[in-house]
């Protein structure tokens, strides 16, 4: 498991998907909690794919809304590309639905609309 990336100390893996893994991390020894999305190396093996992703992701960096996880920074360290995002405890929407913490389809629709 990844233990450190740049100035970030990795505490644990939060999840993974087709693009890579998301870790709970801290900046420095006593920094606040952040989410660090580290992309799979094969995604970045083609430089054109990396440029396309970063170009299309730029608008997400400017989004500020209470219902959207804020992207704080993008970077690369030792060949590993990452997005630094705010950490929101409690799991994602799919986890909430799977664990029946969402009461019915009306609440699902309300959450998605927000």
PDB file of N, CA and C in Angstrom:
ATOM      1  N   UNK A   1       0.835  -1.187   0.000  1.00  0.00           N
ATOM      2  CA  UNK A   1       0.000   0.000   0.000  1.00  0.00           C
ATOM      3  C   UNK A   1       0.879   1.249   0.000  1.00  0.00           C
ATOM      4  N   UNK A   2       0.390   2.266  -0.655  1.00  0.00           N
ATOM      5  CA  UNK A   2       1.072   3.554  -0.710  1.00  0.00           C
ATOM      6  C   UNK A   2       1.079   4.175   0.691  1.00  0.00           C
ATOM      7  N   UNK A   3       2.243   4.629   1.163  1.00  0.00           N
ATOM      8  CA  UNK A   3       2.366   5.218   2.500  1.00  0.00           C
ATOM      9  C   UNK A   3       2.516   6.730   2.465  1.00  0.00           C
ATOM     10  N   UNK A   4       3.062   7.237   1.351  1.00  0.00           N
ATOM     11  CA  UNK A   4       3.323   8.673   1.251  1.00  0.00           C
ATOM     12  C   UNK A   4       3.324   9.060  -0.222  1.00  0.00           C
ATOM     13  N   UNK A   5       2.829  10.255  -0.500  1.00  0.00           N
ATOM     14  CA  UNK A   5       2.877  10.805  -1.849  1.00  0.00           C
ATOM     15  C   UNK A   5       3.106  12.299  -1.703  1.00  0.00           C
ATOM     16  N   UNK A   6       4.276  12.760  -2.126  1.00  0.00           N
ATOM     17  CA  UNK A   6       4.618  14.169  -1.945  1.00  0.00           C
ATOM     18  C   UNK A   6       4.545  14.515  -0.467  1.00  0.00           C
ATOM     19  N   UNK A   7       3.866  15.605  -0.118  1.00  0.00           N
ATOM     20  CA  UNK A   7       3.771  16.006   1.283  1.00  0.00           C
ATOM     21  C   UNK A   7       2.662  15.283   2.052  1.00  0.00           C
ATOM     22  N   UNK A   8       2.013  14.319   1.411  1.00  0.00           N
ATOM     23  CA  UNK A   8       0.838  13.680   2.015  1.00  0.00           C
ATOM     24  C   UNK A   8       1.185  12.332   2.643  1.00  0.00           C
ATOM     25  N   UNK A   9       0.734  12.136   3.870  1.00  0.00           N
ATOM     26  CA  UNK A   9       0.871  10.865   4.577  1.00  0.00           C
ATOM     27  C   UNK A   9      -0.433  10.098   4.381  1.00  0.00           C
ATOM     28  N   UNK A  10      -0.346   8.904   3.808  1.00  0.00           N
ATOM     29  CA  UNK A  10      -1.518   8.091   3.520  1.00  0.00           C
ATOM     30  C   UNK A  10      -1.905   7.310   4.776  1.00  0.00           C
ATOM     31  N   UNK A  11      -3.163   7.434   5.194  1.00  0.00           N
ATOM     32  CA  UNK A  11      -3.638   6.690   6.361  1.00  0.00           C
ATOM     33  C   UNK A  11      -4.274   5.362   5.973  1.00  0.00           C
ATOM     34  N   UNK A  12      -5.155   5.409   4.954  1.00  0.00           N
ATOM     35  CA  UNK A  12      -5.809   4.176   4.521  1.00  0.00           C
ATOM     36  C   UNK A  12      -6.494   4.394   3.184  1.00  0.00           C
ATOM     37  N   UNK A  13      -6.800   3.288   2.520  1.00  0.00           N
ATOM     38  CA  UNK A  13      -7.534   3.352   1.261  1.00  0.00           C
ATOM     39  C   UNK A  13      -9.018   3.524   1.559  1.00  0.00           C
ATOM     40  N   UNK A  14      -9.645   4.450   0.837  1.00  0.00           N
ATOM     41  CA  UNK A  14     -11.085   4.677   0.991  1.00  0.00           C
ATOM     42  C   UNK A  14     -11.890   3.921  -0.060  1.00  0.00           C
ATOM     43  N   UNK A  15     -11.312   3.732  -1.230  1.00  0.00           N
ATOM     44  CA  UNK A  15     -12.021   3.040  -2.295  1.00  0.00           C
ATOM     45  C   UNK A  15     -11.175   2.970  -3.544  1.00  0.00           C
ATOM     46  N   UNK A  16     -11.673   2.218  -4.519  1.00  0.00           N
ATOM     47  CA  UNK A  16     -10.969   2.105  -5.782  1.00  0.00           C
ATOM     48  C   UNK A  16     -11.968   1.948  -6.911  1.00  0.00           C
ATOM     49  N   UNK A  17     -11.499   2.254  -8.095  1.00  0.00           N
ATOM     50  CA  UNK A  17     -12.347   2.151  -9.273  1.00  0.00           C
ATOM     51  C   UNK A  17     -11.493   1.979 -10.509  1.00  0.00           C
ATOM     52  N   UNK A  18     -12.098   2.191 -11.656  1.00  0.00           N
ATOM     53  CA  UNK A  18     -11.398   1.959 -12.915  1.00  0.00           C
ATOM     54  C   UNK A  18     -10.272   2.966 -13.164  1.00  0.00           C
ATOM     55  N   UNK A  19     -10.341   4.143 -12.546  1.00  0.00           N
ATOM     56  CA  UNK A  19      -9.310   5.159 -12.770  1.00  0.00           C
ATOM     57  C   UNK A  19      -8.158   5.084 -11.778  1.00  0.00           C
ATOM     58  N   UNK A  20      -8.393   4.484 -10.629  1.00  0.00           N
ATOM     59  CA  UNK A  20      -7.342   4.423  -9.627  1.00  0.00           C
ATOM     60  C   UNK A  20      -7.909   4.190  -8.242  1.00  0.00           C
ATOM     61  N   UNK A  21      -7.222   4.726  -7.236  1.00  0.00           N
ATOM     62  CA  UNK A  21      -7.620   4.538  -5.839  1.00  0.00           C
ATOM     63  C   UNK A  21      -7.748   5.883  -5.139  1.00  0.00           C
ATOM     64  N   UNK A  22      -8.593   5.908  -4.118  1.00  0.00           N
ATOM     65  CA  UNK A  22      -8.765   7.101  -3.294  1.00  0.00           C
ATOM     66  C   UNK A  22      -8.315   6.755  -1.881  1.00  0.00           C
ATOM     67  N   UNK A  23      -7.490   7.639  -1.328  1.00  0.00           N
ATOM     68  CA  UNK A  23      -6.927   7.418  -0.004  1.00  0.00           C
ATOM     69  C   UNK A  23      -7.324   8.546   0.947  1.00  0.00           C
ATOM     70  N   UNK A  24      -7.430   8.197   2.219  1.00  0.00           N
ATOM     71  CA  UNK A  24      -7.531   9.197   3.271  1.00  0.00           C
ATOM     72  C   UNK A  24      -6.097   9.585   3.588  1.00  0.00           C
ATOM     73  N   UNK A  25      -5.808  10.877   3.568  1.00  0.00           N
ATOM     74  CA  UNK A  25      -4.436  11.334   3.769  1.00  0.00           C
ATOM     75  C   UNK A  25      -4.428  12.604   4.620  1.00  0.00           C
ATOM     76  N   UNK A  26      -3.239  12.947   5.057  1.00  0.00           N
ATOM     77  CA  UNK A  26      -2.997  14.203   5.783  1.00  0.00           C
ATOM     78  C   UNK A  26      -1.795  14.875   5.156  1.00  0.00           C
ATOM     79  N   UNK A  27      -1.855  16.186   5.086  1.00  0.00           N
ATOM     80  CA  UNK A  27      -0.697  16.931   4.598  1.00  0.00           C
ATOM     81  C   UNK A  27       0.220  17.165   5.785  1.00  0.00           C
ATOM     82  N   UNK A  28       1.420  16.611   5.716  1.00  0.00           N
ATOM     83  CA  UNK A  28       2.340  16.704   6.846  1.00  0.00           C
ATOM     84  C   UNK A  28       1.901  15.771   7.960  1.00  0.00           C
ATOM     85  N   UNK A  29       2.538  15.898   9.095  1.00  0.00           N
ATOM     86  CA  UNK A  29       2.246  15.017  10.230  1.00  0.00           C
ATOM     87  C   UNK A  29       0.933  15.360  10.921  1.00  0.00           C
ATOM     88  N   UNK A  30       0.602  16.646  11.005  1.00  0.00           N
ATOM     89  CA  UNK A  30      -0.566  17.048  11.777  1.00  0.00           C
ATOM     90  C   UNK A  30      -1.621  17.767  10.942  1.00  0.00           C
ATOM     91  N   UNK A  31      -1.533  17.651   9.635  1.00  0.00           N
ATOM     92  CA  UNK A  31      -2.479  18.340   8.773  1.00  0.00           C
ATOM     93  C   UNK A  31      -3.882  17.761   8.859  1.00  0.00           C
ATOM     94  N   UNK A  32      -4.822  18.499   8.308  1.00  0.00           N
ATOM     95  CA  UNK A  32      -6.201  18.040   8.287  1.00  0.00           C
ATOM     96  C   UNK A  32      -6.393  16.911   7.298  1.00  0.00           C
ATOM     97  N   UNK A  33      -7.500  16.192   7.437  1.00  0.00           N
ATOM     98  CA  UNK A  33      -7.788  15.070   6.561  1.00  0.00           C
ATOM     99  C   UNK A  33      -8.198  15.561   5.176  1.00  0.00           C
ATOM    100  N   UNK A  34      -7.690  14.856   4.163  1.00  0.00           N
ATOM    101  CA  UNK A  34      -8.023  15.130   2.767  1.00  0.00           C
ATOM    102  C   UNK A  34      -8.210  13.797   2.056  1.00  0.00           C
ATOM    103  N   UNK A  35      -8.880  13.847   0.922  1.00  0.00           N
ATOM    104  CA  UNK A  35      -8.990  12.674   0.058  1.00  0.00           C
ATOM    105  C   UNK A  35      -7.992  12.851  -1.076  1.00  0.00           C
ATOM    106  N   UNK A  36      -7.257  11.818  -1.368  1.00  0.00           N
ATOM    107  CA  UNK A  36      -6.229  11.855  -2.399  1.00  0.00           C
ATOM    108  C   UNK A  36      -6.564  10.780  -3.427  1.00  0.00           C
ATOM    109  N   UNK A  37      -6.980  11.208  -4.611  1.00  0.00           N
ATOM    110  CA  UNK A  37      -7.305  10.263  -5.689  1.00  0.00           C
ATOM    111  C   UNK A  37      -6.060  10.088  -6.532  1.00  0.00           C
ATOM    112  N   UNK A  38      -5.512   8.876  -6.510  1.00  0.00           N
ATOM    113  CA  UNK A  38      -4.282   8.560  -7.225  1.00  0.00           C
ATOM    114  C   UNK A  38      -4.651   7.709  -8.435  1.00  0.00           C
ATOM    115  N   UNK A  39      -4.293   8.190  -9.607  1.00  0.00           N
ATOM    116  CA  UNK A  39      -4.686   7.523 -10.839  1.00  0.00           C
ATOM    117  C   UNK A  39      -3.757   6.362 -11.159  1.00  0.00           C
ATOM    118  N   UNK A  40      -4.328   5.332 -11.770  1.00  0.00           N
ATOM    119  CA  UNK A  40      -3.555   4.168 -12.195  1.00  0.00           C
ATOM    120  C   UNK A  40      -2.491   4.593 -13.189  1.00  0.00           C
ATOM    121  N   UNK A  41      -1.323   3.974 -13.092  1.00  0.00           N
ATOM    122  CA  UNK A  41      -0.212   4.316 -13.964  1.00  0.00           C
ATOM    123  C   UNK A  41      -0.510   4.125 -15.434  1.00  0.00           C
ATOM    124  N   UNK A  42      -1.304   3.096 -15.778  1.00  0.00           N
ATOM    125  CA  UNK A  42      -1.576   2.837 -17.192  1.00  0.00           C
ATOM    126  C   UNK A  42      -2.428   3.924 -17.827  1.00  0.00           C
ATOM    127  N   UNK A  43      -3.201   4.646 -17.038  1.00  0.00           N
ATOM    128  CA  UNK A  43      -4.003   5.752 -17.567  1.00  0.00           C
ATOM    129  C   UNK A  43      -3.079   6.861 -18.067  1.00  0.00           C
ATOM    130  N   UNK A  44      -1.968   7.067 -17.356  1.00  0.00           N
ATOM    131  CA  UNK A  44      -1.066   8.161 -17.693  1.00  0.00           C
ATOM    132  C   UNK A  44       0.063   7.747 -18.615  1.00  0.00           C
ATOM    133  N   UNK A  45       0.071   6.482 -19.045  1.00  0.00           N
ATOM    134  CA  UNK A  45       1.144   6.039 -19.929  1.00  0.00           C
ATOM    135  C   UNK A  45       1.076   6.723 -21.286  1.00  0.00           C
ATOM    136  N   UNK A  46      -0.122   7.128 -21.675  1.00  0.00           N
ATOM    137  CA  UNK A  46      -0.275   7.878 -22.921  1.00  0.00           C
ATOM    138  C   UNK A  46      -0.408   9.350 -22.560  1.00  0.00           C
ATOM    139  N   UNK A  47       0.558  10.151 -22.936  1.00  0.00           N
ATOM    140  CA  UNK A  47       0.571  11.557 -22.535  1.00  0.00           C
ATOM    141  C   UNK A  47      -0.641  12.315 -23.074  1.00  0.00           C
ATOM    142  N   UNK A  48      -1.131  11.937 -24.246  1.00  0.00           N
ATOM    143  CA  UNK A  48      -2.301  12.625 -24.810  1.00  0.00           C
ATOM    144  C   UNK A  48      -3.534  12.382 -23.942  1.00  0.00           C
ATOM    145  N   UNK A  49      -3.695  11.174 -23.424  1.00  0.00           N
ATOM    146  CA  UNK A  49      -4.817  10.868 -22.536  1.00  0.00           C
ATOM    147  C   UNK A  49      -4.722  11.707 -21.263  1.00  0.00           C
ATOM    148  N   UNK A  50      -3.522  11.851 -20.718  1.00  0.00           N
ATOM    149  CA  UNK A  50      -3.335  12.653 -19.511  1.00  0.00           C
ATOM    150  C   UNK A  50      -3.687  14.115 -19.774  1.00  0.00           C
ATOM    151  N   UNK A  51      -3.216  14.658 -20.898  1.00  0.00           N
ATOM    152  CA  UNK A  51      -3.536  16.056 -21.225  1.00  0.00           C
ATOM    153  C   UNK A  51      -5.030  16.253 -21.420  1.00  0.00           C
ATOM    154  N   UNK A  52      -5.681  15.302 -22.077  1.00  0.00           N
ATOM    155  CA  UNK A  52      -7.126  15.390 -22.303  1.00  0.00           C
ATOM    156  C   UNK A  52      -7.867  15.376 -20.975  1.00  0.00           C
ATOM    157  N   UNK A  53      -7.483  14.462 -20.086  1.00  0.00           N
ATOM    158  CA  UNK A  53      -8.150  14.384 -18.784  1.00  0.00           C
ATOM    159  C   UNK A  53      -8.005  15.689 -18.018  1.00  0.00           C
ATOM    160  N   UNK A  54      -6.785  16.202 -17.936  1.00  0.00           N
ATOM    161  CA  UNK A  54      -6.560  17.426 -17.166  1.00  0.00           C
ATOM    162  C   UNK A  54      -7.300  18.615 -17.776  1.00  0.00           C
ATOM    163  N   UNK A  55      -7.347  18.700 -19.099  1.00  0.00           N
ATOM    164  CA  UNK A  55      -8.070  19.782 -19.762  1.00  0.00           C
ATOM    165  C   UNK A  55      -9.563  19.699 -19.444  1.00  0.00           C
ATOM    166  N   UNK A  56     -10.121  18.501 -19.492  1.00  0.00           N
ATOM    167  CA  UNK A  56     -11.548  18.342 -19.229  1.00  0.00           C
ATOM    168  C   UNK A  56     -11.877  18.454 -17.747  1.00  0.00           C
ATOM    169  N   UNK A  57     -10.899  18.193 -16.882  1.00  0.00           N
ATOM    170  CA  UNK A  57     -11.138  18.271 -15.439  1.00  0.00           C
ATOM    171  C   UNK A  57     -11.048  19.695 -14.902  1.00  0.00           C
ATOM    172  N   UNK A  58     -10.427  20.604 -15.637  1.00  0.00           N
ATOM    173  CA  UNK A  58     -10.230  21.971 -15.149  1.00  0.00           C
ATOM    174  C   UNK A  58     -11.513  22.630 -14.638  1.00  0.00           C
ATOM    175  N   UNK A  59     -12.654  22.524 -15.334  1.00  0.00           N
ATOM    176  CA  UNK A  59     -13.872  23.154 -14.794  1.00  0.00           C
ATOM    177  C   UNK A  59     -14.259  22.621 -13.418  1.00  0.00           C
ATOM    178  N   UNK A  60     -13.958  21.368 -13.130  1.00  0.00           N
ATOM    179  CA  UNK A  60     -14.298  20.799 -11.818  1.00  0.00           C
ATOM    180  C   UNK A  60     -13.531  21.484 -10.703  1.00  0.00           C
ATOM    181  N   UNK A  61     -12.341  21.991 -11.005  1.00  0.00           N
ATOM    182  CA  UNK A  61     -11.546  22.655  -9.977  1.00  0.00           C
ATOM    183  C   UNK A  61     -12.214  23.951  -9.509  1.00  0.00           C
ATOM    184  N   UNK A  62     -13.025  24.547 -10.338  1.00  0.00           N
ATOM    185  CA  UNK A  62     -13.659  25.819 -10.001  1.00  0.00           C
ATOM    186  C   UNK A  62     -15.030  25.644  -9.352  1.00  0.00           C
ATOM    187  N   UNK A  63     -15.584  24.443  -9.361  1.00  0.00           N
ATOM    188  CA  UNK A  63     -16.919  24.237  -8.794  1.00  0.00           C
ATOM    189  C   UNK A  63     -16.890  24.397  -7.278  1.00  0.00           C
ATOM    190  N   UNK A  64     -17.819  25.171  -6.779  1.00  0.00           N
ATOM    191  CA  UNK A  64     -17.961  25.364  -5.330  1.00  0.00           C
ATOM    192  C   UNK A  64     -19.447  25.257  -4.997  1.00  0.00           C
ATOM    193  N   UNK A  65     -19.813  24.157  -4.351  1.00  0.00           N
ATOM    194  CA  UNK A  65     -21.205  23.933  -3.965  1.00  0.00           C
ATOM    195  C   UNK A  65     -21.198  22.994  -2.771  1.00  0.00           C
ATOM    196  N   UNK A  66     -22.099  23.193  -1.849  1.00  0.00           N
ATOM    197  CA  UNK A  66     -22.101  22.396  -0.626  1.00  0.00           C
ATOM    198  C   UNK A  66     -22.350  20.917  -0.878  1.00  0.00           C
ATOM    199  N   UNK A  67     -22.894  20.566  -2.039  1.00  0.00           N
ATOM    200  CA  UNK A  67     -23.188  19.168  -2.348  1.00  0.00           C
ATOM    201  C   UNK A  67     -22.195  18.542  -3.325  1.00  0.00           C
ATOM    202  N   UNK A  68     -21.094  19.216  -3.583  1.00  0.00           N
ATOM    203  CA  UNK A  68     -20.074  18.694  -4.491  1.00  0.00           C
ATOM    204  C   UNK A  68     -18.735  18.694  -3.759  1.00  0.00           C
ATOM    205  N   UNK A  69     -18.056  17.563  -3.804  1.00  0.00           N
ATOM    206  CA  UNK A  69     -16.725  17.483  -3.199  1.00  0.00           C
ATOM    207  C   UNK A  69     -15.808  18.443  -3.950  1.00  0.00           C
ATOM    208  N   UNK A  70     -15.122  19.269  -3.205  1.00  0.00           N
ATOM    209  CA  UNK A  70     -14.254  20.279  -3.810  1.00  0.00           C
ATOM    210  C   UNK A  70     -12.901  19.685  -4.194  1.00  0.00           C
ATOM    211  N   UNK A  71     -12.487  19.918  -5.432  1.00  0.00           N
ATOM    212  CA  UNK A  71     -11.156  19.538  -5.889  1.00  0.00           C
ATOM    213  C   UNK A  71     -10.233  20.702  -5.560  1.00  0.00           C
ATOM    214  N   UNK A  72      -9.208  20.435  -4.756  1.00  0.00           N
ATOM    215  CA  UNK A  72      -8.338  21.488  -4.259  1.00  0.00           C
ATOM    216  C   UNK A  72      -7.090  21.698  -5.109  1.00  0.00           C
ATOM    217  N   UNK A  73      -6.602  20.606  -5.689  1.00  0.00           N
ATOM    218  CA  UNK A  73      -5.315  20.688  -6.378  1.00  0.00           C
ATOM    219  C   UNK A  73      -5.109  19.426  -7.205  1.00  0.00           C
ATOM    220  N   UNK A  74      -4.363  19.544  -8.288  1.00  0.00           N
ATOM    221  CA  UNK A  74      -3.927  18.355  -9.022  1.00  0.00           C
ATOM    222  C   UNK A  74      -2.419  18.389  -9.064  1.00  0.00           C
ATOM    223  N   UNK A  75      -1.835  17.205  -9.073  1.00  0.00           N
ATOM    224  CA  UNK A  75      -0.387  17.180  -9.075  1.00  0.00           C
ATOM    225  C   UNK A  75       0.167  15.835  -9.494  1.00  0.00           C
ATOM    226  N   UNK A  76       1.485  15.762  -9.460  1.00  0.00           N
ATOM    227  CA  UNK A  76       2.201  14.542  -9.828  1.00  0.00           C
ATOM    228  C   UNK A  76       3.428  14.446  -8.937  1.00  0.00           C
ATOM    229  N   UNK A  77       3.670  13.262  -8.398  1.00  0.00           N
ATOM    230  CA  UNK A  77       4.852  13.019  -7.588  1.00  0.00           C
ATOM    231  C   UNK A  77       5.371  11.625  -7.912  1.00  0.00           C
ATOM    232  N   UNK A  78       6.634  11.532  -8.262  1.00  0.00           N
ATOM    233  CA  UNK A  78       7.264  10.265  -8.601  1.00  0.00           C
ATOM    234  C   UNK A  78       6.463   9.489  -9.648  1.00  0.00           C
ATOM    235  N   UNK A  79       5.948  10.205 -10.642  1.00  0.00           N
ATOM    236  CA  UNK A  79       5.197   9.575 -11.715  1.00  0.00           C
ATOM    237  C   UNK A  79       3.764   9.220 -11.382  1.00  0.00           C
ATOM    238  N   UNK A  80       3.306   9.541 -10.189  1.00  0.00           N
ATOM    239  CA  UNK A  80       1.930   9.250  -9.780  1.00  0.00           C
ATOM    240  C   UNK A  80       1.108  10.546  -9.851  1.00  0.00           C
ATOM    241  N   UNK A  81       0.103  10.541 -10.696  1.00  0.00           N
ATOM    242  CA  UNK A  81      -0.773  11.702 -10.845  1.00  0.00           C
ATOM    243  C   UNK A  81      -1.915  11.588  -9.846  1.00  0.00           C
ATOM    244  N   UNK A  82      -2.293  12.729  -9.269  1.00  0.00           N
ATOM    245  CA  UNK A  82      -3.329  12.695  -8.235  1.00  0.00           C
ATOM    246  C   UNK A  82      -4.181  13.958  -8.251  1.00  0.00           C
ATOM    247  N   UNK A  83      -5.354  13.826  -7.642  1.00  0.00           N
ATOM    248  CA  UNK A  83      -6.221  14.958  -7.337  1.00  0.00           C
ATOM    249  C   UNK A  83      -6.343  15.030  -5.826  1.00  0.00           C
ATOM    250  N   UNK A  84      -6.157  16.209  -5.275  1.00  0.00           N
ATOM    251  CA  UNK A  84      -6.354  16.448  -3.857  1.00  0.00           C
ATOM    252  C   UNK A  84      -7.751  17.011  -3.701  1.00  0.00           C
ATOM    253  N   UNK A  85      -8.569  16.352  -2.876  1.00  0.00           N
ATOM    254  CA  UNK A  85      -9.967  16.766  -2.708  1.00  0.00           C
ATOM    255  C   UNK A  85     -10.296  16.883  -1.230  1.00  0.00           C
ATOM    256  N   UNK A  86     -11.345  17.635  -0.941  1.00  0.00           N
ATOM    257  CA  UNK A  86     -11.779  17.699   0.450  1.00  0.00           C
ATOM    258  C   UNK A  86     -12.282  16.317   0.855  1.00  0.00           C
ATOM    259  N   UNK A  87     -12.096  15.993   2.119  1.00  0.00           N
ATOM    260  CA  UNK A  87     -12.543  14.706   2.648  1.00  0.00           C
ATOM    261  C   UNK A  87     -13.870  14.904   3.351  1.00  0.00           C
ATOM    262  N   UNK A  88     -14.854  14.120   2.951  1.00  0.00           N
ATOM    263  CA  UNK A  88     -16.159  14.139   3.592  1.00  0.00           C
ATOM    264  C   UNK A  88     -16.425  12.751   4.158  1.00  0.00           C
ATOM    265  N   UNK A  89     -16.444  12.609   5.476  1.00  0.00           N
ATOM    266  CA  UNK A  89     -16.682  11.292   6.066  1.00  0.00           C
ATOM    267  C   UNK A  89     -18.120  10.829   5.828  1.00  0.00           C
ATOM    268  N   UNK A  90     -18.341   9.546   5.932  1.00  0.00           N
ATOM    269  CA  UNK A  90     -19.705   9.032   5.837  1.00  0.00           C
ATOM    270  C   UNK A  90     -19.981   8.216   4.598  1.00  0.00           C
ATOM    271  N   UNK A  91     -19.014   8.069   3.714  1.00  0.00           N
ATOM    272  CA  UNK A  91     -19.225   7.246   2.534  1.00  0.00           C
ATOM    273  C   UNK A  91     -19.879   7.999   1.401  1.00  0.00           C
ATOM    274  N   UNK A  92     -19.955   7.327   0.268  1.00  0.00           N
ATOM    275  CA  UNK A  92     -20.568   7.958  -0.896  1.00  0.00           C
ATOM    276  C   UNK A  92     -22.045   7.591  -0.997  1.00  0.00           C
ATOM    277  N   UNK A  93     -22.729   8.148  -1.973  1.00  0.00           N
ATOM    278  CA  UNK A  93     -24.164   7.928  -2.132  1.00  0.00           C
ATOM    279  C   UNK A  93     -24.478   6.450  -2.336  1.00  0.00           C
ATOM    280  N   UNK A  94     -23.679   5.756  -3.149  1.00  0.00           N
ATOM    281  CA  UNK A  94     -23.932   4.330  -3.382  1.00  0.00           C
ATOM    282  C   UNK A  94     -23.851   3.538  -2.082  1.00  0.00           C
ATOM    283  N   UNK A  95     -22.875   3.860  -1.230  1.00  0.00           N
ATOM    284  CA  UNK A  95     -22.764   3.175   0.061  1.00  0.00           C
ATOM    285  C   UNK A  95     -23.981   3.446   0.932  1.00  0.00           C
ATOM    286  N   UNK A  96     -24.459   4.677   0.907  1.00  0.00           N
ATOM    287  CA  UNK A  96     -25.638   5.025   1.698  1.00  0.00           C
ATOM    288  C   UNK A  96     -26.856   4.244   1.229  1.00  0.00           C
ATOM    289  N   UNK A  97     -26.995   4.109  -0.085  1.00  0.00           N
ATOM    290  CA  UNK A  97     -28.120   3.350  -0.630  1.00  0.00           C
ATOM    291  C   UNK A  97     -27.973   1.874  -0.276  1.00  0.00           C
ATOM    292  N   UNK A  98     -26.768   1.319  -0.473  1.00  0.00           N
ATOM    293  CA  UNK A  98     -26.524  -0.097  -0.197  1.00  0.00           C
ATOM    294  C   UNK A  98     -26.753  -0.446   1.273  1.00  0.00           C
ATOM    295  N   UNK A  99     -26.453   0.474   2.161  1.00  0.00           N
ATOM    296  CA  UNK A  99     -26.607   0.222   3.591  1.00  0.00           C
ATOM    297  C   UNK A  99     -27.977   0.664   4.107  1.00  0.00           C
ATOM    298  N   UNK A 100     -28.875   0.978   3.187  1.00  0.00           N
ATOM    299  CA  UNK A 100     -30.245   1.391   3.513  1.00  0.00           C
ATOM    300  C   UNK A 100     -30.301   2.600   4.441  1.00  0.00           C
ATOM    301  N   UNK A 101     -29.321   3.489   4.280  1.00  0.00           N
ATOM    302  CA  UNK A 101     -29.369   4.738   5.033  1.00  0.00           C
ATOM    303  C   UNK A 101     -30.139   5.791   4.265  1.00  0.00           C
ATOM    304  N   UNK A 102     -30.662   5.413   3.097  1.00  0.00           N
ATOM    305  CA  UNK A 102     -31.516   6.293   2.305  1.00  0.00           C
ATOM    306  C   UNK A 102     -32.900   5.667   2.325  1.00  0.00           C
ATOM    307  N   UNK A 103     -33.871   6.436   2.780  1.00  0.00           N
ATOM    308  CA  UNK A 103     -35.223   5.916   2.984  1.00  0.00           C
ATOM    309  C   UNK A 103     -36.083   6.080   1.729  1.00  0.00           C
ATOM    310  N   UNK A 104     -35.971   5.120   0.826  1.00  0.00           N
ATOM    311  CA  UNK A 104     -36.879   5.082  -0.309  1.00  0.00           C
ATOM    312  C   UNK A 104     -36.440   5.905  -1.504  1.00  0.00           C
ATOM    313  N   UNK A 105     -37.184   5.712  -2.580  1.00  0.00           N
ATOM    314  CA  UNK A 105     -36.833   6.336  -3.851  1.00  0.00           C
ATOM    315  C   UNK A 105     -36.989   7.846  -3.818  1.00  0.00           C
ATOM    316  N   UNK A 106     -37.925   8.370  -3.046  1.00  0.00           N
ATOM    317  CA  UNK A 106     -38.091   9.829  -2.993  1.00  0.00           C
ATOM    318  C   UNK A 106     -36.840  10.510  -2.439  1.00  0.00           C
ATOM    319  N   UNK A 107     -36.261   9.936  -1.390  1.00  0.00           N
ATOM    320  CA  UNK A 107     -35.044  10.521  -0.835  1.00  0.00           C
ATOM    321  C   UNK A 107     -33.883  10.378  -1.814  1.00  0.00           C
ATOM    322  N   UNK A 108     -33.833   9.253  -2.531  1.00  0.00           N
ATOM    323  CA  UNK A 108     -32.793   9.070  -3.551  1.00  0.00           C
ATOM    324  C   UNK A 108     -32.884  10.166  -4.608  1.00  0.00           C
ATOM    325  N   UNK A 109     -34.079  10.419  -5.097  1.00  0.00           N
ATOM    326  CA  UNK A 109     -34.275  11.458  -6.110  1.00  0.00           C
ATOM    327  C   UNK A 109     -33.880  12.817  -5.563  1.00  0.00           C
ATOM    328  N   UNK A 110     -34.264  13.113  -4.329  1.00  0.00           N
ATOM    329  CA  UNK A 110     -33.939  14.399  -3.699  1.00  0.00           C
ATOM    330  C   UNK A 110     -32.419  14.571  -3.580  1.00  0.00           C
ATOM    331  N   UNK A 111     -31.723  13.510  -3.171  1.00  0.00           N
ATOM    332  CA  UNK A 111     -30.273  13.581  -3.037  1.00  0.00           C
ATOM    333  C   UNK A 111     -29.599  13.783  -4.390  1.00  0.00           C
ATOM    334  N   UNK A 112     -30.051  13.060  -5.403  1.00  0.00           N
ATOM    335  CA  UNK A 112     -29.454  13.188  -6.729  1.00  0.00           C
ATOM    336  C   UNK A 112     -29.703  14.577  -7.307  1.00  0.00           C
ATOM    337  N   UNK A 113     -30.884  15.120  -7.105  1.00  0.00           N
ATOM    338  CA  UNK A 113     -31.198  16.450  -7.626  1.00  0.00           C
ATOM    339  C   UNK A 113     -30.343  17.530  -6.983  1.00  0.00           C
ATOM    340  N   UNK A 114     -29.985  17.348  -5.719  1.00  0.00           N
ATOM    341  CA  UNK A 114     -29.150  18.341  -5.052  1.00  0.00           C
ATOM    342  C   UNK A 114     -27.759  18.344  -5.645  1.00  0.00           C
TER     343      UNK A 114
END
